[in-house]
């Protein structure tokens, strides 16, 4: 009977966790779905090459320019006759770069080394300009370049006719007969001065002038391959230190009289309100007209800037002429001076000359 009875089934053996981990798949076959990707190795940094001693022994020679004038940062907004009383940076720091120019930087300019022959310069300029343009040719150039969408345009700002602008003019003259120049800011107080320096420094001729828009013509015989060498300024030099523009006591007045004029000017209505980088073509005429009835006038220069206010005051002092007596809160107070004494002195001088004759 015992042989006929079925044998009881034995339960499957229980495997422990240690046995499961001991039979884990090998590292070569284990590939989880989100395995981190290995980063590529960084390339080794190249070692710096030692300096070549041959380059130091044979440096590039400095540029030599035959332009017959002293190099300045601004030609129209600086007065060469006015000597500064100090400098904000050493004179050895030339804005043209070390060893790039054969002229020595004096702190305000790079003077020409050779003596200038005025007759030869004028003959060369006349040769490049050639025969004068006819009216039809002028009208054709004006119609082509005077519009605001002209791509041959240079913007002239508060620094006026700068040195690097001359290089821009000659770059435009490579492919165009004329270049359009739009003037804004302080230089527009004296457009005659701007026109003079553009013609004198570039060698071209202004064939069109409308308010603040100019057309500078290159000349009939202009050759871009023989353009003058114009070394570029690498940075704008710091402006030197000049004497004070406004004295504590105006010439010919006492301290109390100067103080009274300043207070009267601050409380008087402004004859004009100037904007930043605006058009100041008619400012000189308005100030002269106001001085016919007023002794002190005020210009409202809100948001113009302190530096631009002083530039405007310097130009008005020479153009009107007048005496700036106060710059305060972007307001310019101008005094017309003692006109009665000047007129009397002129009349007396004229009478003395007539008696002598």
Protein backbone atom coordinates (compact mmCIF):
# COMPACT_ATOMS: atom_id res chain seq x y z
CA UNK A 1 0.00 0.00 0.00
CA UNK A 2 2.73 2.39 0.83
CA UNK A 3 4.24 1.85 -2.55
CA UNK A 4 0.98 2.71 -4.30
CA UNK A 5 0.43 6.03 -2.49
CA UNK A 6 1.72 9.08 -4.37
CA UNK A 7 4.74 10.71 -2.99
CA UNK A 8 4.05 14.17 -1.45
CA UNK A 9 5.30 17.08 -3.55
CA UNK A 10 8.02 19.09 -1.89
CA UNK A 11 7.78 22.93 -1.88
CA UNK A 12 10.20 24.76 -4.13
CA UNK A 13 13.22 25.98 -2.31
CA UNK A 14 13.09 29.64 -1.23
CA UNK A 15 15.85 31.80 -2.51
CA UNK A 16 17.11 34.53 -0.30
CA UNK A 17 17.87 38.11 -1.39
CA UNK A 18 21.52 37.44 -0.96
CA UNK A 19 21.30 34.70 -3.50
CA UNK A 20 19.46 37.03 -5.92
CA UNK A 21 22.08 39.72 -5.70
CA UNK A 22 24.84 37.18 -5.98
CA UNK A 23 23.41 36.03 -9.33
CA UNK A 24 22.96 39.54 -10.77
CA UNK A 25 23.81 39.94 -14.43
CA UNK A 26 27.34 40.87 -15.32
CA UNK A 27 28.42 44.40 -16.00
CA UNK A 28 28.75 43.76 -19.72
CA UNK A 29 25.13 42.72 -20.20
CA UNK A 30 23.55 45.16 -17.73
CA UNK A 31 22.10 48.13 -19.64
CA UNK A 32 19.46 50.13 -17.73
CA UNK A 33 17.10 52.31 -19.80
CA UNK A 34 18.39 55.61 -18.34
CA UNK A 35 22.07 55.01 -18.01
CA UNK A 36 24.14 58.26 -17.81
CA UNK A 37 26.11 59.04 -20.89
CA UNK A 38 29.82 59.42 -20.48
CA UNK A 39 31.17 62.92 -21.19
CA UNK A 40 33.79 63.20 -23.89
CA UNK A 41 37.23 63.99 -22.56
CA UNK A 42 38.28 67.62 -22.75
CA UNK A 43 40.92 68.34 -25.35
CA UNK A 44 44.22 69.39 -23.86
CA UNK A 45 44.90 73.10 -23.86
CA UNK A 46 47.48 74.17 -26.40
CA UNK A 47 50.67 75.36 -24.87
CA UNK A 48 51.45 79.04 -25.47
CA UNK A 49 54.04 79.53 -28.13
CA UNK A 50 57.15 81.40 -27.11
CA UNK A 51 57.44 84.88 -28.65
CA UNK A 52 59.29 85.03 -31.90
CA UNK A 53 62.42 87.12 -31.39
CA UNK A 54 62.52 88.08 -35.07
CA UNK A 55 59.30 90.12 -34.79
CA UNK A 56 60.76 92.26 -32.01
CA UNK A 57 63.93 92.90 -33.92
CA UNK A 58 62.10 94.04 -37.07
CA UNK A 59 59.02 96.07 -35.96
CA UNK A 60 56.76 97.69 -38.52
CA UNK A 61 57.90 101.22 -39.39
CA UNK A 62 55.68 104.14 -38.26
CA UNK A 63 53.25 105.66 -40.72
CA UNK A 64 54.31 108.81 -42.50
CA UNK A 65 51.60 111.21 -43.65
CA UNK A 66 52.17 114.11 -46.03
CA UNK A 67 49.09 116.03 -44.89
CA UNK A 68 50.12 119.68 -44.37
CA UNK A 69 48.40 120.31 -41.04
CA UNK A 70 48.70 119.31 -37.40
CA UNK A 71 46.68 116.27 -36.36
CA UNK A 72 44.04 116.96 -33.71
CA UNK A 73 41.07 115.04 -32.40
CA UNK A 74 38.70 117.86 -33.38
CA UNK A 75 39.56 120.55 -35.89
CA UNK A 76 36.42 122.69 -35.74
CA UNK A 77 35.82 122.65 -31.96
CA UNK A 78 39.31 123.44 -30.67
CA UNK A 79 41.31 126.66 -30.75
CA UNK A 80 45.02 126.07 -31.47
CA UNK A 81 45.93 129.51 -30.13
CA UNK A 82 44.55 128.71 -26.65
CA UNK A 83 47.19 127.01 -24.51
CA UNK A 84 46.00 124.58 -21.80
CA UNK A 85 47.12 124.95 -18.20
CA UNK A 86 47.29 121.20 -17.53
CA UNK A 87 46.69 117.71 -18.88
CA UNK A 88 44.58 114.82 -17.61
CA UNK A 89 46.94 112.17 -19.00
CA UNK A 90 50.69 112.06 -19.74
CA UNK A 91 51.80 113.39 -23.09
CA UNK A 92 53.56 110.13 -23.90
CA UNK A 93 50.19 108.40 -24.40
CA UNK A 94 49.58 109.12 -28.07
CA UNK A 95 46.02 108.31 -29.30
CA UNK A 96 47.56 106.95 -32.50
CA UNK A 97 49.21 104.12 -30.58
CA UNK A 98 52.83 103.55 -29.58
CA UNK A 99 55.20 103.76 -32.51
CA UNK A 100 52.46 103.99 -35.17
CA UNK A 101 53.08 107.58 -36.28
CA UNK A 102 56.23 109.51 -37.11
CA UNK A 103 54.85 112.62 -35.37
CA UNK A 104 55.21 113.41 -31.69
CA UNK A 105 52.05 113.89 -29.61
CA UNK A 106 52.14 117.11 -27.56
CA UNK A 107 49.00 116.46 -25.50
CA UNK A 108 46.69 118.37 -27.86
CA UNK A 109 48.06 117.74 -31.36
CA UNK A 110 50.65 115.96 -33.49
CA UNK A 111 52.47 118.75 -35.38
CA UNK A 112 53.71 118.26 -38.92
CA UNK A 113 57.48 117.81 -39.13
CA UNK A 114 58.09 119.29 -42.56
CA UNK A 115 57.49 122.92 -43.45
CA UNK A 116 54.26 123.51 -45.33
CA UNK A 117 54.40 125.07 -48.79
CA UNK A 118 51.05 126.82 -49.12
CA UNK A 119 51.35 127.43 -52.86
CA UNK A 120 52.12 123.79 -53.62
CA UNK A 121 49.22 122.59 -51.46
CA UNK A 122 46.79 124.96 -53.19
CA UNK A 123 48.00 123.89 -56.64
CA UNK A 124 47.53 120.21 -55.80
CA UNK A 125 44.03 120.87 -54.46
CA UNK A 126 43.10 122.81 -57.60
CA UNK A 127 44.42 120.00 -59.79
CA UNK A 128 42.33 117.37 -57.98
CA UNK A 129 39.15 119.46 -58.10
CA UNK A 130 39.55 120.12 -61.82
CA UNK A 131 37.20 122.36 -63.73
CA UNK A 132 34.18 123.73 -61.85
CA UNK A 133 30.98 121.73 -62.10
CA UNK A 134 28.24 122.96 -64.39
CA UNK A 135 24.77 123.69 -63.07
CA UNK A 136 23.43 120.46 -64.58
CA UNK A 137 26.14 118.39 -62.89
CA UNK A 138 25.52 120.06 -59.55
CA UNK A 139 21.77 119.43 -59.81
CA UNK A 140 22.39 115.78 -60.65
CA UNK A 141 24.66 115.25 -57.64
CA UNK A 142 22.35 117.15 -55.32
CA UNK A 143 19.33 115.13 -56.40
CA UNK A 144 21.29 111.91 -55.91
CA UNK A 145 22.79 112.54 -52.46
CA UNK A 146 20.69 115.17 -50.65
CA UNK A 147 17.83 112.88 -49.53
CA UNK A 148 17.64 111.49 -45.99
CA UNK A 149 17.73 107.87 -47.21
CA UNK A 150 21.14 108.37 -48.83
CA UNK A 151 23.52 105.60 -47.79
CA UNK A 152 26.57 107.82 -48.40
CA UNK A 153 26.07 109.85 -45.22
CA UNK A 154 28.26 110.88 -42.29
CA UNK A 155 26.75 112.22 -39.07
CA UNK A 156 28.62 115.15 -37.52
CA UNK A 157 28.01 115.47 -33.77
CA UNK A 158 29.18 117.62 -30.89
CA UNK A 159 32.87 116.88 -31.55
CA UNK A 160 32.63 118.59 -34.94
CA UNK A 161 35.06 117.75 -37.73
CA UNK A 162 37.17 115.02 -36.12
CA UNK A 163 40.36 113.41 -37.39
CA UNK A 164 38.82 109.99 -38.02
CA UNK A 165 36.01 111.63 -39.99
CA UNK A 166 38.54 112.48 -42.70
CA UNK A 167 39.22 108.77 -43.17
CA UNK A 168 35.46 108.11 -43.40
CA UNK A 169 35.12 110.79 -46.08
CA UNK A 170 37.84 109.25 -48.25
CA UNK A 171 36.33 105.78 -47.76
CA UNK A 172 33.02 107.06 -49.17
CA UNK A 173 34.83 108.79 -52.02
CA UNK A 174 36.13 105.43 -53.24
CA UNK A 175 32.72 104.60 -54.75
CA UNK A 176 30.84 107.90 -54.72
CA UNK A 177 31.50 111.36 -56.14
CA UNK A 178 30.06 113.14 -53.11
CA UNK A 179 29.15 112.39 -49.52
CA UNK A 180 26.23 113.77 -47.50
CA UNK A 181 27.10 115.24 -44.09
CA UNK A 182 24.36 115.88 -41.54
CA UNK A 183 25.36 118.22 -38.70
CA UNK A 184 23.73 118.33 -35.26
CA UNK A 185 24.63 119.71 -31.86
CA UNK A 186 27.07 122.44 -30.85
CA UNK A 187 28.91 122.73 -34.22
CA UNK A 188 25.73 124.00 -35.90
CA UNK A 189 26.19 127.32 -34.07
CA UNK A 190 28.89 128.17 -36.62
CA UNK A 191 28.28 126.30 -39.87
CA UNK A 192 30.79 128.49 -41.73
CA UNK A 193 33.52 127.10 -39.48
CA UNK A 194 32.40 123.52 -40.18
CA UNK A 195 32.40 124.10 -43.95
CA UNK A 196 35.86 125.68 -43.84
CA UNK A 197 37.46 122.77 -41.98
CA UNK A 198 35.75 120.15 -44.14
CA UNK A 199 37.12 121.72 -47.31
CA UNK A 200 40.52 122.55 -45.85
CA UNK A 201 41.26 119.15 -44.27
CA UNK A 202 39.69 116.83 -46.87
CA UNK A 203 40.57 118.76 -50.03
CA UNK A 204 37.01 118.55 -51.38
CA UNK A 205 34.44 121.24 -52.13
CA UNK A 206 30.98 121.81 -50.69
CA UNK A 207 28.51 122.04 -53.57
CA UNK A 208 25.29 122.11 -51.53
CA UNK A 209 24.37 123.59 -48.16
CA UNK A 210 20.88 123.65 -46.68
CA UNK A 211 20.60 124.53 -42.97
CA UNK A 212 22.58 121.61 -41.46
CA UNK A 213 22.95 119.32 -44.51
CA UNK A 214 26.10 119.51 -46.63
CA UNK A 215 27.31 117.77 -49.78
CA UNK A 216 31.10 117.40 -50.03
CA UNK A 217 32.35 116.80 -53.59
CA UNK A 218 35.64 114.95 -54.13
CA UNK A 219 36.74 116.56 -57.43
CA UNK A 220 36.96 115.54 -61.08
CA UNK A 221 40.53 114.21 -60.93
CA UNK A 222 40.28 112.42 -57.59
CA UNK A 223 42.08 109.06 -57.62
CA UNK A 224 41.23 106.69 -54.73
CA UNK A 225 44.51 104.84 -55.24
CA UNK A 226 46.47 108.02 -54.53
CA UNK A 227 44.46 109.12 -51.51
CA UNK A 228 46.44 110.69 -48.65
CA UNK A 229 47.67 108.57 -45.75
CA UNK A 230 45.42 109.26 -42.73
CA UNK A 231 46.50 107.37 -39.59
CA UNK A 232 43.47 106.52 -37.46
CA UNK A 233 43.17 107.57 -33.84
CA UNK A 234 42.67 104.46 -31.71
CA UNK A 235 40.89 106.30 -28.90
CA UNK A 236 39.63 109.74 -28.00
CA UNK A 237 42.26 111.63 -25.99
CA UNK A 238 41.30 113.24 -22.71
CA UNK A 239 40.51 116.93 -23.05
CA UNK A 240 43.21 119.14 -21.50
CA UNK A 241 42.52 121.56 -18.67
CA UNK A 242 41.84 125.14 -19.76
CA UNK A 243 41.36 128.31 -17.67
CA UNK A 244 37.97 128.90 -16.08
CA UNK A 245 35.34 130.12 -18.49
CA UNK A 246 33.36 132.14 -15.93
CA UNK A 247 35.19 134.48 -13.59
CA UNK A 248 33.98 135.19 -10.08
CA UNK A 249 33.81 138.89 -10.95
CA UNK A 250 33.17 139.94 -14.55
CA UNK A 251 35.64 142.33 -16.14
CA UNK A 252 34.60 145.94 -15.62
CA UNK A 253 32.13 145.14 -12.80
CA UNK A 254 32.25 144.84 -9.04
CA UNK A 255 31.26 141.74 -7.12
CA UNK A 256 27.87 143.21 -6.18
CA UNK A 257 27.11 144.22 -9.77
CA UNK A 258 28.05 140.76 -11.04
CA UNK A 259 25.84 139.12 -8.41
CA UNK A 260 22.93 141.40 -9.33
CA UNK A 261 23.26 140.56 -13.05
CA UNK A 262 23.30 136.83 -12.28
CA UNK A 263 20.16 137.03 -10.16
CA UNK A 264 18.42 139.15 -12.77
CA UNK A 265 19.32 136.66 -15.49
CA UNK A 266 18.10 133.64 -13.50
CA UNK A 267 14.70 135.26 -12.92
CA UNK A 268 14.28 136.57 -16.47
CA UNK A 269 12.29 134.59 -19.09
CA UNK A 270 14.37 132.37 -21.37
CA UNK A 271 14.64 133.60 -24.94
CA UNK A 272 15.12 130.04 -26.26
CA UNK A 273 14.95 126.45 -25.07
CA UNK A 274 17.66 124.24 -26.55
CA UNK A 275 17.46 120.47 -26.89
CA UNK A 276 20.21 117.88 -26.72
CA UNK A 277 21.99 117.38 -30.06
CA UNK A 278 19.55 119.83 -31.61
CA UNK A 279 19.84 122.37 -34.39
CA UNK A 280 21.33 125.66 -33.18
CA UNK A 281 21.66 127.53 -36.48
CA UNK A 282 19.59 130.57 -35.43
CA UNK A 283 20.78 130.86 -31.81
CA UNK A 284 23.43 133.52 -32.51
CA UNK A 285 20.95 135.75 -34.36
CA UNK A 286 18.35 135.39 -31.59
CA UNK A 287 20.87 136.32 -28.89
CA UNK A 288 22.05 139.38 -30.85
CA UNK A 289 18.45 140.47 -31.32
CA UNK A 290 17.70 140.05 -27.62
CA UNK A 291 20.75 142.12 -26.64
CA UNK A 292 19.28 145.11 -28.47
CA UNK A 293 16.68 145.48 -25.71
CA UNK A 294 18.05 143.43 -22.79
CA UNK A 295 21.34 143.60 -20.94
CA UNK A 296 21.21 140.00 -19.65
CA UNK A 297 19.60 137.01 -21.40
CA UNK A 298 19.00 133.42 -20.35
CA UNK A 299 19.10 130.23 -22.43
CA UNK A 300 17.22 127.21 -21.12
CA UNK A 301 19.43 124.16 -21.79
CA UNK A 302 17.56 121.55 -19.75
CA UNK A 303 18.66 117.98 -20.61
CA UNK A 304 21.42 119.34 -22.85
CA UNK A 305 24.24 118.40 -20.48
CA UNK A 306 26.82 120.37 -18.55
CA UNK A 307 29.65 119.87 -21.05
CA UNK A 308 27.49 120.93 -24.00
CA UNK A 309 26.31 124.00 -22.07
CA UNK A 310 29.90 125.15 -21.66
CA UNK A 311 30.65 124.46 -25.33
CA UNK A 312 27.65 126.59 -26.31
CA UNK A 313 28.76 129.38 -23.99
CA UNK A 314 32.28 129.44 -25.46
CA UNK A 315 30.98 129.68 -29.02
CA UNK A 316 28.46 132.39 -28.18
CA UNK A 317 31.17 134.37 -26.40
CA UNK A 318 33.17 134.55 -29.64
CA UNK A 319 30.32 134.78 -32.17
CA UNK A 320 27.87 137.26 -30.61
CA UNK A 321 30.15 138.55 -28.83
CA UNK A 322 29.09 138.48 -25.18
CA UNK A 323 30.26 137.52 -21.69
CA UNK A 324 29.03 134.29 -20.02
CA UNK A 325 28.56 135.09 -16.33
CA UNK A 326 26.81 131.96 -15.01
CA UNK A 327 26.22 128.27 -15.77
CA UNK A 328 23.78 126.85 -13.23
CA UNK A 329 21.22 124.03 -13.40
CA UNK A 330 21.73 123.79 -17.18
CA UNK A 331 20.91 127.49 -17.59
CA UNK A 332 23.22 129.86 -19.47
CA UNK A 333 23.28 133.51 -18.39
CA UNK A 334 24.89 135.88 -20.91
CA UNK A 335 25.80 139.52 -20.41
CA UNK A 336 26.19 141.77 -23.43
CA UNK A 337 29.02 143.80 -21.86
CA UNK A 338 29.48 147.53 -21.56
CA UNK A 339 28.37 148.56 -25.01
CA UNK A 340 28.08 152.27 -24.20
CA UNK A 341 31.74 152.55 -23.21
CA UNK A 342 32.85 150.65 -26.30
CA UNK A 343 30.80 152.91 -28.58
CA UNK A 344 32.12 156.05 -26.91
CA UNK A 345 35.71 154.83 -27.20
CA UNK A 346 35.22 154.02 -30.89
CA UNK A 347 33.73 157.47 -31.54
CA UNK A 348 36.58 159.20 -29.72
CA UNK A 349 39.17 157.19 -31.68
CA UNK A 350 37.47 158.13 -34.95
CA UNK A 351 37.47 161.82 -33.97
CA UNK A 352 41.18 161.69 -33.11
CA UNK A 353 42.01 160.12 -36.47
CA UNK A 354 39.97 162.75 -38.33
CA UNK A 355 41.79 165.56 -36.49
CA UNK A 356 45.17 164.05 -37.30
CA UNK A 357 44.34 163.87 -40.99
